[in-house]
């Protein structure tokens, strides 16, 4: 029983001539059959995540099943969102006395949406297996040549399928040979001027396609952000304590400012959101590092097909390039980083 990394072609059909063939990396623990798959050449996305609880393996992500579906996908399934998540109003922002206009890729609301690294080609810069984990590190080097964002950076992301015991935080220690997924990111300002940055992740979670109307969601303490008709912030609700809500007939497309729910043994502040399947008797925990410059925001979104729920850790508010809420300004040579994780309990 060991951790392994293997590769396979993603999809039998050729892609358009301007796209390289896609390779899917498989991080697996042979002892339990748990695995994660990543496609570096398409935005470095996590396409599949299968974790075990008890005697059952659960497929936890909804994502495109073919290269053609991947290219056509407009839901940003599992996308890494950088240098901004969510929306920038009209795609226009000002930074240090200059105005910039980003490409508007949400024409129906006249916004720029979810940055521009989704679909870009990341490079594999490291892969490692040990008795306790398998990890894959990807990097995207940006030269500052996208309209509206002339600030070079290097974005590095590590996916680590690891023994879950470091993340149990009070769950059953007899299950510590089971796995969890940890994601760490860092962005380095490789330019010669300061630059604005924010990060997010856009996974759609499920329990092997169980309808979300059968699930409950436990949210950390939070402040809901009120959005206008174009999904741009225009207010806040009062602070709510942590609570569990049934998802049946419940619609979410809501950003939150979240409060920490705990601290790791090494002093890292974090918040966790829990998706619970009473029918399967299992809970999916999505954790995010909090604190200064970290993942202090969360978006929950229920798509109309009701077969999954997006639970999106973010470092900044919607329209952060304009309102500055959660926005990080990097000096040349500075790094912005954080971590997230997914486990079952």
C-alpha atoms as a PDB file:
ATOM      1  CA  UNK A   1       0.000   0.000   0.000  1.00  0.00           C
ATOM      2  CA  UNK A   2       1.537   3.274  -1.094  1.00  0.00           C
ATOM      3  CA  UNK A   3       0.989   6.717  -2.560  1.00  0.00           C
ATOM      4  CA  UNK A   4       1.561   6.898  -6.316  1.00  0.00           C
ATOM      5  CA  UNK A   5       1.504   9.421  -9.158  1.00  0.00           C
ATOM      6  CA  UNK A   6       0.640   8.251 -12.663  1.00  0.00           C
ATOM      7  CA  UNK A   7      -0.543   9.951 -15.851  1.00  0.00           C
ATOM      8  CA  UNK A   8      -3.022   9.232 -18.612  1.00  0.00           C
ATOM      9  CA  UNK A   9      -4.264  11.080 -21.708  1.00  0.00           C
ATOM     10  CA  UNK A  10      -7.438  13.001 -20.988  1.00  0.00           C
ATOM     11  CA  UNK A  11      -9.996  12.079 -23.622  1.00  0.00           C
ATOM     12  CA  UNK A  12      -9.761  10.103 -26.869  1.00  0.00           C
ATOM     13  CA  UNK A  13     -10.589  12.916 -29.299  1.00  0.00           C
ATOM     14  CA  UNK A  14      -8.189  15.581 -30.595  1.00  0.00           C
ATOM     15  CA  UNK A  15      -8.473  19.145 -29.384  1.00  0.00           C
ATOM     16  CA  UNK A  16      -8.448  22.219 -31.645  1.00  0.00           C
ATOM     17  CA  UNK A  17      -5.081  22.858 -33.294  1.00  0.00           C
ATOM     18  CA  UNK A  18      -4.249  25.688 -30.877  1.00  0.00           C
ATOM     19  CA  UNK A  19      -4.476  23.376 -27.856  1.00  0.00           C
ATOM     20  CA  UNK A  20      -1.906  20.825 -26.759  1.00  0.00           C
ATOM     21  CA  UNK A  21      -3.119  17.331 -25.866  1.00  0.00           C
ATOM     22  CA  UNK A  22      -4.210  17.163 -22.249  1.00  0.00           C
ATOM     23  CA  UNK A  23      -2.559  14.926 -19.683  1.00  0.00           C
ATOM     24  CA  UNK A  24      -4.298  13.985 -16.456  1.00  0.00           C
ATOM     25  CA  UNK A  25      -2.143  13.358 -13.395  1.00  0.00           C
ATOM     26  CA  UNK A  26      -3.509  10.836 -10.902  1.00  0.00           C
ATOM     27  CA  UNK A  27      -2.517  11.056  -7.250  1.00  0.00           C
ATOM     28  CA  UNK A  28      -3.625   7.840  -5.540  1.00  0.00           C
ATOM     29  CA  UNK A  29      -3.371   5.943  -2.275  1.00  0.00           C
ATOM     30  CA  UNK A  30      -3.452   2.278  -3.209  1.00  0.00           C
ATOM     31  CA  UNK A  31      -4.384   1.196   0.296  1.00  0.00           C
ATOM     32  CA  UNK A  32      -7.895   2.653   0.081  1.00  0.00           C
ATOM     33  CA  UNK A  33      -8.430   3.451  -3.605  1.00  0.00           C
ATOM     34  CA  UNK A  34      -8.703   7.171  -2.885  1.00  0.00           C
ATOM     35  CA  UNK A  35      -7.424   9.495  -5.598  1.00  0.00           C
ATOM     36  CA  UNK A  36      -7.359  12.965  -7.109  1.00  0.00           C
ATOM     37  CA  UNK A  37      -6.789  13.939 -10.741  1.00  0.00           C
ATOM     38  CA  UNK A  38      -5.337  17.208 -12.027  1.00  0.00           C
ATOM     39  CA  UNK A  39      -5.020  18.647 -15.538  1.00  0.00           C
ATOM     40  CA  UNK A  40      -2.042  21.030 -15.607  1.00  0.00           C
ATOM     41  CA  UNK A  41      -2.512  22.152 -19.225  1.00  0.00           C
ATOM     42  CA  UNK A  42      -6.033  23.423 -18.560  1.00  0.00           C
ATOM     43  CA  UNK A  43      -5.773  25.924 -15.740  1.00  0.00           C
ATOM     44  CA  UNK A  44      -4.255  23.385 -13.357  1.00  0.00           C
ATOM     45  CA  UNK A  45      -7.737  22.249 -12.369  1.00  0.00           C
ATOM     46  CA  UNK A  46      -8.608  19.464  -9.977  1.00  0.00           C
ATOM     47  CA  UNK A  47     -11.013  17.378 -12.058  1.00  0.00           C
ATOM     48  CA  UNK A  48     -11.785  14.406  -9.809  1.00  0.00           C
ATOM     49  CA  UNK A  49     -11.569  13.791  -6.087  1.00  0.00           C
ATOM     50  CA  UNK A  50     -12.573  10.433  -4.625  1.00  0.00           C
ATOM     51  CA  UNK A  51     -12.235   9.936  -0.858  1.00  0.00           C
ATOM     52  CA  UNK A  52     -13.250   7.080   1.401  1.00  0.00           C
ATOM     53  CA  UNK A  53     -15.233   6.873   4.597  1.00  0.00           C
ATOM     54  CA  UNK A  54     -15.933   3.498   6.151  1.00  0.00           C
ATOM     55  CA  UNK A  55     -16.328   0.986   3.331  1.00  0.00           C
ATOM     56  CA  UNK A  56     -17.467   3.495   0.720  1.00  0.00           C
ATOM     57  CA  UNK A  57     -15.687   5.642  -1.840  1.00  0.00           C
ATOM     58  CA  UNK A  58     -17.359   8.965  -2.639  1.00  0.00           C
ATOM     59  CA  UNK A  59     -16.879  10.978  -5.851  1.00  0.00           C
ATOM     60  CA  UNK A  60     -16.924  14.517  -4.498  1.00  0.00           C
ATOM     61  CA  UNK A  61     -16.636  16.818  -7.528  1.00  0.00           C
ATOM     62  CA  UNK A  62     -18.813  17.703 -10.486  1.00  0.00           C
ATOM     63  CA  UNK A  63     -16.555  18.555 -13.408  1.00  0.00           C
ATOM     64  CA  UNK A  64     -16.457  18.060 -17.205  1.00  0.00           C
ATOM     65  CA  UNK A  65     -16.018  14.475 -18.354  1.00  0.00           C
ATOM     66  CA  UNK A  66     -14.263  15.131 -21.680  1.00  0.00           C
ATOM     67  CA  UNK A  67     -11.898  17.681 -23.254  1.00  0.00           C
ATOM     68  CA  UNK A  68     -14.757  18.972 -25.387  1.00  0.00           C
ATOM     69  CA  UNK A  69     -16.920  19.492 -22.307  1.00  0.00           C
ATOM     70  CA  UNK A  70     -13.995  21.156 -20.567  1.00  0.00           C
ATOM     71  CA  UNK A  71     -13.547  23.670 -23.382  1.00  0.00           C
ATOM     72  CA  UNK A  72     -17.288  24.376 -23.492  1.00  0.00           C
ATOM     73  CA  UNK A  73     -17.743  24.648 -19.714  1.00  0.00           C
ATOM     74  CA  UNK A  74     -18.977  28.061 -18.567  1.00  0.00           C
ATOM     75  CA  UNK A  75     -19.444  27.104 -14.920  1.00  0.00           C
ATOM     76  CA  UNK A  76     -15.738  27.427 -13.997  1.00  0.00           C
ATOM     77  CA  UNK A  77     -15.863  23.969 -12.406  1.00  0.00           C
ATOM     78  CA  UNK A  78     -12.842  23.556 -10.090  1.00  0.00           C
ATOM     79  CA  UNK A  79     -11.199  26.648 -11.598  1.00  0.00           C
ATOM     80  CA  UNK A  80      -8.351  28.470  -9.915  1.00  0.00           C
ATOM     81  CA  UNK A  81      -9.406  32.136  -9.849  1.00  0.00           C
ATOM     82  CA  UNK A  82      -6.554  34.611 -10.192  1.00  0.00           C
ATOM     83  CA  UNK A  83      -5.546  37.468 -10.159  1.00  0.00           C
ATOM     84  CA  UNK A  84      -9.107  38.133  -9.003  1.00  0.00           C
ATOM     85  CA  UNK A  85     -12.085  35.930  -8.119  1.00  0.00           C
ATOM     86  CA  UNK A  86     -15.731  36.821  -8.685  1.00  0.00           C
ATOM     87  CA  UNK A  87     -16.545  40.014 -10.566  1.00  0.00           C
ATOM     88  CA  UNK A  88     -15.018  43.366 -11.421  1.00  0.00           C
ATOM     89  CA  UNK A  89     -17.745  45.886 -12.252  1.00  0.00           C
ATOM     90  CA  UNK A  90     -17.630  46.722 -15.981  1.00  0.00           C
ATOM     91  CA  UNK A  91     -14.133  45.190 -15.974  1.00  0.00           C
ATOM     92  CA  UNK A  92     -12.818  48.632 -15.004  1.00  0.00           C
ATOM     93  CA  UNK A  93     -10.641  49.508 -12.028  1.00  0.00           C
ATOM     94  CA  UNK A  94      -8.075  52.104 -10.966  1.00  0.00           C
ATOM     95  CA  UNK A  95      -4.744  51.274  -9.366  1.00  0.00           C
ATOM     96  CA  UNK A  96      -2.148  53.772  -8.185  1.00  0.00           C
ATOM     97  CA  UNK A  97      -3.424  56.578 -10.366  1.00  0.00           C
ATOM     98  CA  UNK A  98      -3.959  54.560 -13.553  1.00  0.00           C
ATOM     99  CA  UNK A  99      -7.198  53.185 -14.965  1.00  0.00           C
ATOM    100  CA  UNK A 100      -7.389  49.706 -16.488  1.00  0.00           C
ATOM    101  CA  UNK A 101     -10.046  47.884 -18.513  1.00  0.00           C
ATOM    102  CA  UNK A 102     -10.181  44.087 -18.316  1.00  0.00           C
ATOM    103  CA  UNK A 103     -11.844  41.886 -20.883  1.00  0.00           C
ATOM    104  CA  UNK A 104     -15.534  41.486 -20.024  1.00  0.00           C
ATOM    105  CA  UNK A 105     -16.345  37.782 -20.043  1.00  0.00           C
ATOM    106  CA  UNK A 106     -19.739  38.068 -18.357  1.00  0.00           C
ATOM    107  CA  UNK A 107     -21.552  40.060 -21.011  1.00  0.00           C
ATOM    108  CA  UNK A 108     -25.028  39.558 -19.515  1.00  0.00           C
ATOM    109  CA  UNK A 109     -24.018  41.593 -16.442  1.00  0.00           C
ATOM    110  CA  UNK A 110     -21.290  43.731 -18.015  1.00  0.00           C
ATOM    111  CA  UNK A 111     -18.533  42.391 -15.750  1.00  0.00           C
ATOM    112  CA  UNK A 112     -15.105  40.802 -15.851  1.00  0.00           C
ATOM    113  CA  UNK A 113     -15.348  37.431 -14.135  1.00  0.00           C
ATOM    114  CA  UNK A 114     -12.955  35.100 -12.281  1.00  0.00           C
ATOM    115  CA  UNK A 115      -9.568  36.334 -13.469  1.00  0.00           C
ATOM    116  CA  UNK A 116      -7.842  34.786 -16.468  1.00  0.00           C
ATOM    117  CA  UNK A 117      -5.696  31.793 -15.454  1.00  0.00           C
ATOM    118  CA  UNK A 118      -8.583  29.355 -15.983  1.00  0.00           C
ATOM    119  CA  UNK A 119      -7.720  27.352 -19.096  1.00  0.00           C
ATOM    120  CA  UNK A 120      -4.119  28.584 -19.218  1.00  0.00           C
ATOM    121  CA  UNK A 121      -1.290  26.052 -19.440  1.00  0.00           C
ATOM    122  CA  UNK A 122       0.456  25.371 -16.152  1.00  0.00           C
ATOM    123  CA  UNK A 123       3.762  23.478 -15.990  1.00  0.00           C
ATOM    124  CA  UNK A 124       4.538  20.634 -13.601  1.00  0.00           C
ATOM    125  CA  UNK A 125       7.582  21.747 -11.611  1.00  0.00           C
ATOM    126  CA  UNK A 126       7.649  19.034  -8.944  1.00  0.00           C
ATOM    127  CA  UNK A 127       6.052  15.720  -8.042  1.00  0.00           C
ATOM    128  CA  UNK A 128       6.736  13.700  -4.934  1.00  0.00           C
ATOM    129  CA  UNK A 129       5.584  10.506  -3.249  1.00  0.00           C
ATOM    130  CA  UNK A 130       6.376   9.414   0.312  1.00  0.00           C
ATOM    131  CA  UNK A 131       4.766   6.843   2.629  1.00  0.00           C
ATOM    132  CA  UNK A 132       2.420   9.615   3.805  1.00  0.00           C
ATOM    133  CA  UNK A 133       1.484  11.635   0.721  1.00  0.00           C
ATOM    134  CA  UNK A 134       1.608  12.260  -3.011  1.00  0.00           C
ATOM    135  CA  UNK A 135       1.996  15.854  -4.180  1.00  0.00           C
ATOM    136  CA  UNK A 136       2.011  17.642  -7.512  1.00  0.00           C
ATOM    137  CA  UNK A 137       3.226  21.235  -7.863  1.00  0.00           C
ATOM    138  CA  UNK A 138       2.228  23.398 -10.831  1.00  0.00           C
ATOM    139  CA  UNK A 139       3.347  26.842 -11.932  1.00  0.00           C
ATOM    140  CA  UNK A 140       1.986  29.442 -14.333  1.00  0.00           C
ATOM    141  CA  UNK A 141       4.320  32.260 -15.343  1.00  0.00           C
ATOM    142  CA  UNK A 142       2.532  35.360 -16.580  1.00  0.00           C
ATOM    143  CA  UNK A 143       4.379  38.032 -18.530  1.00  0.00           C
ATOM    144  CA  UNK A 144       1.902  40.885 -18.038  1.00  0.00           C
ATOM    145  CA  UNK A 145       0.446  40.620 -21.540  1.00  0.00           C
ATOM    146  CA  UNK A 146      -3.296  40.242 -20.854  1.00  0.00           C
ATOM    147  CA  UNK A 147      -5.487  43.276 -21.536  1.00  0.00           C
ATOM    148  CA  UNK A 148      -6.137  45.269 -18.381  1.00  0.00           C
ATOM    149  CA  UNK A 149      -3.584  43.550 -16.138  1.00  0.00           C
ATOM    150  CA  UNK A 150       0.018  44.496 -17.013  1.00  0.00           C
ATOM    151  CA  UNK A 151       1.504  43.029 -13.827  1.00  0.00           C
ATOM    152  CA  UNK A 152       3.732  39.929 -14.226  1.00  0.00           C
ATOM    153  CA  UNK A 153       3.429  37.131 -11.679  1.00  0.00           C
ATOM    154  CA  UNK A 154       4.211  33.484 -11.060  1.00  0.00           C
ATOM    155  CA  UNK A 155       1.320  31.460  -9.596  1.00  0.00           C
ATOM    156  CA  UNK A 156       2.292  28.169  -7.944  1.00  0.00           C
ATOM    157  CA  UNK A 157      -0.245  25.584  -6.736  1.00  0.00           C
ATOM    158  CA  UNK A 158       0.428  22.297  -4.941  1.00  0.00           C
ATOM    159  CA  UNK A 159      -2.145  19.501  -4.722  1.00  0.00           C
ATOM    160  CA  UNK A 160      -1.351  17.009  -1.966  1.00  0.00           C
ATOM    161  CA  UNK A 161      -3.220  13.765  -1.338  1.00  0.00           C
ATOM    162  CA  UNK A 162      -2.181  13.046   2.207  1.00  0.00           C
ATOM    163  CA  UNK A 163      -2.928  11.022   5.297  1.00  0.00           C
ATOM    164  CA  UNK A 164      -5.932  12.638   6.918  1.00  0.00           C
ATOM    165  CA  UNK A 165      -4.618  12.493  10.479  1.00  0.00           C
ATOM    166  CA  UNK A 166      -2.968  15.937  10.246  1.00  0.00           C
ATOM    167  CA  UNK A 167      -6.408  17.367   9.392  1.00  0.00           C
ATOM    168  CA  UNK A 168      -8.706  15.352  11.655  1.00  0.00           C
ATOM    169  CA  UNK A 169      -8.973  18.155  14.236  1.00  0.00           C
ATOM    170  CA  UNK A 170     -10.996  15.975  16.589  1.00  0.00           C
ATOM    171  CA  UNK A 171     -12.496  13.363  14.252  1.00  0.00           C
ATOM    172  CA  UNK A 172     -12.090   9.614  14.694  1.00  0.00           C
ATOM    173  CA  UNK A 173      -8.357   8.797  15.110  1.00  0.00           C
ATOM    174  CA  UNK A 174      -8.961   5.179  14.064  1.00  0.00           C
ATOM    175  CA  UNK A 175      -9.542   6.462  10.514  1.00  0.00           C
ATOM    176  CA  UNK A 176      -6.179   8.204  10.236  1.00  0.00           C
ATOM    177  CA  UNK A 177      -5.031   6.028   7.338  1.00  0.00           C
ATOM    178  CA  UNK A 178      -7.710   7.572   5.159  1.00  0.00           C
ATOM    179  CA  UNK A 179      -6.853  10.519   2.944  1.00  0.00           C
ATOM    180  CA  UNK A 180      -7.538  14.206   2.639  1.00  0.00           C
ATOM    181  CA  UNK A 181      -6.657  16.692  -0.073  1.00  0.00           C
ATOM    182  CA  UNK A 182      -4.659  19.796   0.749  1.00  0.00           C
ATOM    183  CA  UNK A 183      -4.184  22.661  -1.723  1.00  0.00           C
ATOM    184  CA  UNK A 184      -1.598  25.373  -1.192  1.00  0.00           C
ATOM    185  CA  UNK A 185      -1.066  28.376  -3.447  1.00  0.00           C
ATOM    186  CA  UNK A 186       1.466  31.178  -3.700  1.00  0.00           C
ATOM    187  CA  UNK A 187       1.700  34.135  -6.047  1.00  0.00           C
ATOM    188  CA  UNK A 188       4.999  35.926  -6.591  1.00  0.00           C
ATOM    189  CA  UNK A 189       5.134  39.441  -8.023  1.00  0.00           C
ATOM    190  CA  UNK A 190       7.774  39.025 -10.737  1.00  0.00           C
ATOM    191  CA  UNK A 191       7.358  42.547 -12.090  1.00  0.00           C
ATOM    192  CA  UNK A 192       9.005  45.852 -11.247  1.00  0.00           C
ATOM    193  CA  UNK A 193       5.912  47.628  -9.854  1.00  0.00           C
ATOM    194  CA  UNK A 194       3.336  46.889  -7.189  1.00  0.00           C
ATOM    195  CA  UNK A 195       0.302  44.837  -8.208  1.00  0.00           C
ATOM    196  CA  UNK A 196      -3.201  44.054  -6.855  1.00  0.00           C
ATOM    197  CA  UNK A 197      -4.030  40.359  -6.280  1.00  0.00           C
ATOM    198  CA  UNK A 198      -6.774  38.141  -4.932  1.00  0.00           C
ATOM    199  CA  UNK A 199      -7.285  34.381  -5.172  1.00  0.00           C
ATOM    200  CA  UNK A 200     -10.195  31.952  -5.182  1.00  0.00           C
ATOM    201  CA  UNK A 201     -11.151  28.349  -5.953  1.00  0.00           C
ATOM    202  CA  UNK A 202     -14.433  27.290  -7.594  1.00  0.00           C
ATOM    203  CA  UNK A 203     -15.221  23.598  -6.879  1.00  0.00           C
ATOM    204  CA  UNK A 204     -18.691  22.054  -7.192  1.00  0.00           C
ATOM    205  CA  UNK A 205     -19.212  19.428  -4.486  1.00  0.00           C
ATOM    206  CA  UNK A 206     -21.500  16.420  -4.342  1.00  0.00           C
ATOM    207  CA  UNK A 207     -21.648  12.894  -2.894  1.00  0.00           C
ATOM    208  CA  UNK A 208     -21.483  10.704  -6.016  1.00  0.00           C
ATOM    209  CA  UNK A 209     -24.203  12.826  -7.678  1.00  0.00           C
ATOM    210  CA  UNK A 210     -26.630  12.709  -4.740  1.00  0.00           C
ATOM    211  CA  UNK A 211     -29.165  15.565  -5.204  1.00  0.00           C
ATOM    212  CA  UNK A 212     -28.278  18.461  -2.949  1.00  0.00           C
ATOM    213  CA  UNK A 213     -31.890  18.681  -1.745  1.00  0.00           C
ATOM    214  CA  UNK A 214     -31.054  15.674   0.445  1.00  0.00           C
ATOM    215  CA  UNK A 215     -28.081  17.462   2.062  1.00  0.00           C
ATOM    216  CA  UNK A 216     -27.475  19.993   4.817  1.00  0.00           C
ATOM    217  CA  UNK A 217     -24.867  22.740   4.952  1.00  0.00           C
ATOM    218  CA  UNK A 218     -23.150  23.984   8.102  1.00  0.00           C
ATOM    219  CA  UNK A 219     -21.725  27.465   7.658  1.00  0.00           C
ATOM    220  CA  UNK A 220     -19.228  29.187   9.952  1.00  0.00           C
ATOM    221  CA  UNK A 221     -20.062  32.478  11.636  1.00  0.00           C
ATOM    222  CA  UNK A 222     -20.424  34.958   8.825  1.00  0.00           C
ATOM    223  CA  UNK A 223     -21.623  38.251   7.421  1.00  0.00           C
ATOM    224  CA  UNK A 224     -23.612  37.934   4.193  1.00  0.00           C
ATOM    225  CA  UNK A 225     -22.737  40.432   1.462  1.00  0.00           C
ATOM    226  CA  UNK A 226     -25.735  41.956  -0.328  1.00  0.00           C
ATOM    227  CA  UNK A 227     -25.464  42.120  -4.139  1.00  0.00           C
ATOM    228  CA  UNK A 228     -27.239  44.300  -6.660  1.00  0.00           C
ATOM    229  CA  UNK A 229     -28.801  43.107  -9.925  1.00  0.00           C
ATOM    230  CA  UNK A 230     -25.386  42.883 -11.569  1.00  0.00           C
ATOM    231  CA  UNK A 231     -23.996  40.816  -8.643  1.00  0.00           C
ATOM    232  CA  UNK A 232     -21.879  43.700  -7.313  1.00  0.00           C
ATOM    233  CA  UNK A 233     -21.810  44.385  -3.529  1.00  0.00           C
ATOM    234  CA  UNK A 234     -24.011  47.169  -2.209  1.00  0.00           C
ATOM    235  CA  UNK A 235     -24.403  46.287   1.479  1.00  0.00           C
ATOM    236  CA  UNK A 236     -24.065  43.747   4.270  1.00  0.00           C
ATOM    237  CA  UNK A 237     -26.410  41.759   6.461  1.00  0.00           C
ATOM    238  CA  UNK A 238     -25.942  41.523  10.245  1.00  0.00           C
ATOM    239  CA  UNK A 239     -23.492  38.929  11.526  1.00  0.00           C
ATOM    240  CA  UNK A 240     -24.909  35.380  11.756  1.00  0.00           C
ATOM    241  CA  UNK A 241     -23.648  32.699  14.110  1.00  0.00           C
ATOM    242  CA  UNK A 242     -22.610  29.309  12.768  1.00  0.00           C
ATOM    243  CA  UNK A 243     -25.677  27.285  11.769  1.00  0.00           C
ATOM    244  CA  UNK A 244     -26.823  24.241   9.815  1.00  0.00           C
ATOM    245  CA  UNK A 245     -29.360  24.736   7.026  1.00  0.00           C
ATOM    246  CA  UNK A 246     -31.255  22.216   4.919  1.00  0.00           C
ATOM    247  CA  UNK A 247     -30.586  22.666   1.215  1.00  0.00           C
ATOM    248  CA  UNK A 248     -34.002  21.456   0.065  1.00  0.00           C
ATOM    249  CA  UNK A 249     -35.524  24.282  -2.002  1.00  0.00           C
ATOM    250  CA  UNK A 250     -32.778  26.608  -0.767  1.00  0.00           C
ATOM    251  CA  UNK A 251     -31.037  28.851  -3.301  1.00  0.00           C
ATOM    252  CA  UNK A 252     -27.569  30.255  -2.729  1.00  0.00           C
ATOM    253  CA  UNK A 253     -25.549  32.706  -4.786  1.00  0.00           C
ATOM    254  CA  UNK A 254     -24.096  34.508  -1.823  1.00  0.00           C
ATOM    255  CA  UNK A 255     -20.694  35.793  -0.748  1.00  0.00           C
ATOM    256  CA  UNK A 256     -19.817  35.862   2.946  1.00  0.00           C
ATOM    257  CA  UNK A 257     -17.151  37.313   5.169  1.00  0.00           C
ATOM    258  CA  UNK A 258     -16.409  34.375   7.467  1.00  0.00           C
ATOM    259  CA  UNK A 259     -15.174  34.005  11.015  1.00  0.00           C
ATOM    260  CA  UNK A 260     -12.550  31.455  12.089  1.00  0.00           C
ATOM    261  CA  UNK A 261     -13.791  28.207  13.575  1.00  0.00           C
ATOM    262  CA  UNK A 262     -10.507  27.028  15.085  1.00  0.00           C
ATOM    263  CA  UNK A 263      -6.732  27.020  15.130  1.00  0.00           C
ATOM    264  CA  UNK A 264      -4.436  24.172  14.051  1.00  0.00           C
ATOM    265  CA  UNK A 265      -1.802  22.828  16.474  1.00  0.00           C
ATOM    266  CA  UNK A 266       0.813  24.922  14.670  1.00  0.00           C
ATOM    267  CA  UNK A 267      -1.199  28.107  15.165  1.00  0.00           C
ATOM    268  CA  UNK A 268      -2.913  28.514  11.774  1.00  0.00           C
ATOM    269  CA  UNK A 269      -6.362  30.102  12.001  1.00  0.00           C
ATOM    270  CA  UNK A 270      -9.002  28.420   9.835  1.00  0.00           C
ATOM    271  CA  UNK A 271     -12.693  28.156   9.032  1.00  0.00           C
ATOM    272  CA  UNK A 272     -14.540  25.035   7.905  1.00  0.00           C
ATOM    273  CA  UNK A 273     -17.787  24.561   5.992  1.00  0.00           C
ATOM    274  CA  UNK A 274     -19.512  21.176   6.248  1.00  0.00           C
ATOM    275  CA  UNK A 275     -21.709  19.487   3.646  1.00  0.00           C
ATOM    276  CA  UNK A 276     -23.601  16.607   5.285  1.00  0.00           C
ATOM    277  CA  UNK A 277     -25.336  13.637   3.673  1.00  0.00           C
ATOM    278  CA  UNK A 278     -27.577  12.044   6.329  1.00  0.00           C
ATOM    279  CA  UNK A 279     -28.465   9.312   3.846  1.00  0.00           C
ATOM    280  CA  UNK A 280     -24.818   8.321   3.326  1.00  0.00           C
ATOM    281  CA  UNK A 281     -23.842   9.034   6.916  1.00  0.00           C
ATOM    282  CA  UNK A 282     -20.854  11.123   5.892  1.00  0.00           C
ATOM    283  CA  UNK A 283     -19.776  14.751   6.092  1.00  0.00           C
ATOM    284  CA  UNK A 284     -17.613  16.633   3.606  1.00  0.00           C
ATOM    285  CA  UNK A 285     -15.448  19.283   5.274  1.00  0.00           C
ATOM    286  CA  UNK A 286     -14.038  22.172   3.243  1.00  0.00           C
ATOM    287  CA  UNK A 287     -11.407  24.100   5.182  1.00  0.00           C
ATOM    288  CA  UNK A 288      -9.673  27.376   4.433  1.00  0.00           C
ATOM    289  CA  UNK A 289      -6.859  29.248   6.110  1.00  0.00           C
ATOM    290  CA  UNK A 290      -7.951  32.590   7.562  1.00  0.00           C
ATOM    291  CA  UNK A 291      -6.120  35.607   8.912  1.00  0.00           C
ATOM    292  CA  UNK A 292      -4.426  38.617   7.372  1.00  0.00           C
ATOM    293  CA  UNK A 293      -4.194  38.230   3.587  1.00  0.00           C
ATOM    294  CA  UNK A 294      -5.713  34.746   3.698  1.00  0.00           C
ATOM    295  CA  UNK A 295      -9.028  33.144   2.700  1.00  0.00           C
ATOM    296  CA  UNK A 296     -11.446  35.229   4.746  1.00  0.00           C
ATOM    297  CA  UNK A 297     -14.317  35.099   2.244  1.00  0.00           C
ATOM    298  CA  UNK A 298     -16.595  32.335   1.017  1.00  0.00           C
ATOM    299  CA  UNK A 299     -19.157  32.042  -1.785  1.00  0.00           C
ATOM    300  CA  UNK A 300     -21.905  29.401  -1.809  1.00  0.00           C
ATOM    301  CA  UNK A 301     -23.780  28.839  -5.057  1.00  0.00           C
ATOM    302  CA  UNK A 302     -26.472  26.302  -5.956  1.00  0.00           C
ATOM    303  CA  UNK A 303     -26.699  25.725  -9.727  1.00  0.00           C
ATOM    304  CA  UNK A 304     -30.146  25.262 -11.232  1.00  0.00           C
ATOM    305  CA  UNK A 305     -29.461  21.585 -11.993  1.00  0.00           C
ATOM    306  CA  UNK A 306     -29.356  20.929  -8.192  1.00  0.00           C
ATOM    307  CA  UNK A 307     -26.788  18.152  -8.506  1.00  0.00           C
ATOM    308  CA  UNK A 308     -23.981  19.945  -6.656  1.00  0.00           C
ATOM    309  CA  UNK A 309     -23.130  23.034  -4.653  1.00  0.00           C
ATOM    310  CA  UNK A 310     -20.223  25.389  -5.225  1.00  0.00           C
ATOM    311  CA  UNK A 311     -18.373  26.139  -1.975  1.00  0.00           C
ATOM    312  CA  UNK A 312     -15.710  28.656  -2.951  1.00  0.00           C
ATOM    313  CA  UNK A 313     -12.931  29.883  -0.621  1.00  0.00           C
ATOM    314  CA  UNK A 314     -11.776  33.402  -1.578  1.00  0.00           C
ATOM    315  CA  UNK A 315      -9.274  35.919  -0.291  1.00  0.00           C
ATOM    316  CA  UNK A 316     -11.332  38.954  -1.276  1.00  0.00           C
ATOM    317  CA  UNK A 317     -14.815  40.318  -1.789  1.00  0.00           C
ATOM    318  CA  UNK A 318     -16.611  40.597  -5.106  1.00  0.00           C
ATOM    319  CA  UNK A 319     -15.321  43.672  -7.021  1.00  0.00           C
ATOM    320  CA  UNK A 320     -12.256  43.804  -4.771  1.00  0.00           C
ATOM    321  CA  UNK A 321     -10.203  45.707  -7.362  1.00  0.00           C
ATOM    322  CA  UNK A 322     -12.599  48.609  -6.788  1.00  0.00           C
ATOM    323  CA  UNK A 323     -13.737  48.303  -3.165  1.00  0.00           C
ATOM    324  CA  UNK A 324     -10.390  47.036  -1.830  1.00  0.00           C
ATOM    325  CA  UNK A 325     -12.065  44.546   0.524  1.00  0.00           C
ATOM    326  CA  UNK A 326      -9.606  41.709   1.043  1.00  0.00           C
ATOM    327  CA  UNK A 327      -7.363  42.971  -1.755  1.00  0.00           C
ATOM    328  CA  UNK A 328      -3.632  42.334  -1.310  1.00  0.00           C
ATOM    329  CA  UNK A 329      -1.025  44.662  -2.823  1.00  0.00           C
ATOM    330  CA  UNK A 330       2.273  42.931  -3.591  1.00  0.00           C
ATOM    331  CA  UNK A 331       5.561  44.756  -3.875  1.00  0.00           C
ATOM    332  CA  UNK A 332       8.057  43.422  -6.433  1.00  0.00           C
ATOM    333  CA  UNK A 333       9.431  40.130  -5.147  1.00  0.00           C
ATOM    334  CA  UNK A 334       6.723  39.669  -2.512  1.00  0.00           C
ATOM    335  CA  UNK A 335       4.650  36.467  -2.157  1.00  0.00           C
ATOM    336  CA  UNK A 336       0.976  35.996  -1.308  1.00  0.00           C
ATOM    337  CA  UNK A 337       0.001  32.502  -0.130  1.00  0.00           C
ATOM    338  CA  UNK A 338      -2.530  30.324   1.668  1.00  0.00           C
ATOM    339  CA  UNK A 339      -4.044  26.862   1.950  1.00  0.00           C
ATOM    340  CA  UNK A 340      -7.323  24.926   1.691  1.00  0.00           C
ATOM    341  CA  UNK A 341      -8.305  21.330   2.351  1.00  0.00           C
ATOM    342  CA  UNK A 342     -11.057  18.781   1.796  1.00  0.00           C
ATOM    343  CA  UNK A 343     -11.734  15.711   3.935  1.00  0.00           C
ATOM    344  CA  UNK A 344     -14.531  13.360   4.964  1.00  0.00           C
ATOM    345  CA  UNK A 345     -15.691  12.629   8.483  1.00  0.00           C
END
